[in-house]
Protein backbone atom coordinates (compact mmCIF):
# COMPACT_ATOMS: atom_id res chain seq x y z
CA MET A 1 65.39 144.72 76.24
CA LEU A 2 69.05 144.30 75.40
CA LEU A 3 70.81 142.57 72.54
CA VAL A 4 73.66 140.50 73.96
CA SER A 5 76.45 138.54 72.30
CA ALA A 6 75.27 134.96 72.75
CA CYS A 7 78.75 133.79 73.73
CA LEU A 8 78.55 136.04 76.83
CA LEU A 9 75.48 134.07 77.94
CA GLY A 10 77.29 130.75 77.63
CA VAL A 11 76.22 129.77 74.12
CA ASN A 12 79.01 127.81 72.43
CA CYS A 13 79.18 129.99 69.33
CA LYS A 14 82.72 131.37 69.65
CA TYR A 15 85.11 130.67 66.75
CA ASN A 16 86.67 127.75 68.67
CA GLY A 17 83.29 126.22 69.56
CA LYS A 18 83.43 127.51 73.13
CA ASN A 19 81.84 130.51 74.87
CA ASN A 20 82.75 133.63 76.83
CA LEU A 21 80.30 133.18 79.72
CA ASN A 22 80.18 136.38 81.74
CA SER A 23 78.40 136.31 85.11
CA LYS A 24 77.74 140.08 85.12
CA VAL A 25 75.97 139.82 81.77
CA VAL A 26 73.99 136.77 82.90
CA GLU A 27 72.93 138.67 86.06
CA LEU A 28 71.42 141.38 83.85
CA GLY A 29 68.83 138.80 82.85
CA SER A 30 67.16 139.22 86.25
CA LYS A 31 66.49 142.90 85.46
CA GLU A 32 66.27 143.05 81.66
CA THR A 33 65.06 140.87 78.82
CA LEU A 34 68.20 139.65 77.05
CA ILE A 35 68.13 138.73 73.37
CA PRO A 36 71.15 136.56 72.49
CA VAL A 37 72.70 137.06 69.05
CA CYS A 38 75.77 135.75 67.28
CA PRO A 39 76.35 137.84 64.15
CA GLU A 40 78.91 135.43 62.77
CA GLN A 41 76.50 132.48 62.95
CA LEU A 42 73.62 134.63 61.67
CA GLY A 43 75.83 135.56 58.72
CA GLY A 44 76.46 131.92 57.83
CA CYS A 45 79.81 131.21 59.48
CA PRO A 46 80.12 127.70 60.95
CA THR A 47 81.05 126.90 64.54
CA PRO A 48 83.81 126.11 65.11
CA ARG A 49 85.49 128.28 62.47
CA VAL A 50 88.89 129.65 61.59
CA PRO A 51 89.52 132.93 63.49
CA SER A 52 88.86 136.13 61.53
CA GLU A 53 90.11 139.70 61.83
CA ILE A 54 89.57 142.93 59.95
CA LEU A 55 92.56 143.79 57.79
CA ASP A 56 93.65 147.40 57.22
CA GLY A 57 90.69 149.07 58.92
CA ASP A 58 87.72 148.55 61.18
CA GLY A 59 84.02 147.79 60.97
CA ALA A 60 83.29 151.22 59.50
CA ASP A 61 85.78 150.55 56.72
CA VAL A 62 84.23 147.14 56.06
CA LEU A 63 80.73 148.63 55.80
CA ASP A 64 82.08 151.37 53.51
CA GLY A 65 83.79 148.81 51.24
CA LYS A 66 87.32 149.95 52.16
CA SER A 67 88.43 146.91 54.17
CA ARG A 68 87.85 143.14 54.33
CA VAL A 69 87.34 140.52 57.02
CA MET A 70 89.75 137.65 56.47
CA THR A 71 90.30 134.33 58.23
CA LYS A 72 93.70 133.40 59.56
CA ASN A 73 94.15 131.12 56.54
CA GLY A 74 93.33 133.87 54.02
CA GLU A 75 89.64 133.27 53.24
CA ASP A 76 87.56 136.41 52.67
CA VAL A 77 84.50 136.23 54.95
CA THR A 78 83.48 139.88 54.63
CA GLU A 79 80.04 139.11 53.21
CA HIS A 80 79.25 136.75 56.09
CA PHE A 81 80.12 139.47 58.60
CA ILE A 82 78.03 142.10 56.80
CA LYS A 83 75.06 139.72 56.48
CA GLY A 84 75.30 138.83 60.17
CA ALA A 85 75.41 142.50 61.16
CA GLN A 86 72.33 143.18 59.04
CA GLU A 87 70.49 140.27 60.65
CA VAL A 88 71.30 141.58 64.13
CA LEU A 89 70.05 145.03 63.09
CA ASN A 90 66.83 143.41 61.80
CA ILE A 91 66.32 141.70 65.17
CA ALA A 92 66.94 144.98 67.01
CA ARG A 93 64.44 146.83 64.84
CA THR A 94 61.82 144.08 65.09
CA MET A 95 62.10 143.94 68.87
CA GLY A 96 62.49 147.69 69.41
CA VAL A 97 65.88 147.26 71.05
CA LYS A 98 67.91 150.43 71.67
CA LYS A 99 70.95 149.00 73.49
CA ALA A 100 73.42 146.14 73.01
CA ILE A 101 76.16 144.54 75.07
CA LEU A 102 78.62 142.88 72.71
CA LYS A 103 81.87 140.93 73.04
CA ALA A 104 84.95 143.12 73.36
CA ARG A 105 87.59 143.07 70.59
CA SER A 106 85.62 140.79 68.24
CA PRO A 107 85.74 141.63 64.51
CA SER A 108 81.95 141.60 64.52
CA CYS A 109 81.00 142.66 68.06
CA GLY A 110 84.00 144.68 69.26
CA PHE A 111 83.31 148.18 70.60
CA CYS A 112 86.04 150.88 70.54
CA SER A 113 88.78 148.24 70.26
CA ILE A 114 89.24 145.27 67.93
CA TYR A 115 92.06 142.88 67.08
CA ASP A 116 94.49 144.54 64.67
CA GLY A 117 94.36 142.11 61.74
CA THR A 118 97.73 140.44 62.41
CA PHE A 119 96.34 137.51 64.45
CA SER A 120 98.92 138.37 67.13
CA GLY A 121 96.49 139.30 69.92
CA LYS A 122 97.28 143.00 69.51
CA THR A 123 94.41 145.48 69.33
CA LYS A 124 93.64 148.76 67.59
CA LYS A 125 90.96 151.42 67.94
CA GLY A 126 87.73 150.79 66.10
CA ASN A 127 84.44 148.92 66.16
CA GLY A 128 83.55 145.54 64.77
CA VAL A 129 81.17 145.27 61.82
CA THR A 130 78.01 144.64 63.85
CA SER A 131 78.81 147.24 66.48
CA GLU A 132 79.39 149.84 63.79
CA LEU A 133 76.16 149.04 61.96
CA LEU A 134 74.14 149.21 65.18
CA ILE A 135 75.70 152.55 66.15
CA ARG A 136 75.00 153.96 62.68
CA ASN A 137 71.37 153.04 63.25
CA GLY A 138 70.99 154.70 66.64
CA ILE A 139 71.53 151.70 68.88
CA SER A 140 73.78 152.22 71.89
CA VAL A 141 76.61 149.66 72.19
CA LEU A 142 78.73 148.64 75.17
CA SER A 143 81.13 145.76 75.69
CA GLU A 144 80.91 143.37 78.60
CA GLU A 145 83.91 145.22 80.04
CA ASP A 146 81.81 148.40 80.34
CA ILE A 147 79.21 146.96 82.72
């Protein structure tokens, strides 16, 4: 079983109400049981929603209370992102999942690279909040770009 960012499976849960359908990820469904998750929705964020990025840090800093997740219009949505990450971890534990494929560069799902907090499309090293929480709990994370 694999946790998968729901947007990669065509679920319209992306911040703009659209999806990031990825045929390689969908094809995995013929070999593996895929469990779609959207941490932002699970954390209480609406769809569509104002884009969010992690300011002055990464997912590790958010979980450690050193950084915040902010929307482009200045709203602090940190608690939604932490709650969503915890819900995804609960699903993983309940289902016995040990691996996840999550959306690259996302402030919640990004793995190894996330948007830099300037809303300019630039990236920086680091994990999103959910990716970081899963990794801290022994769950292997990849992005769709790694498959």
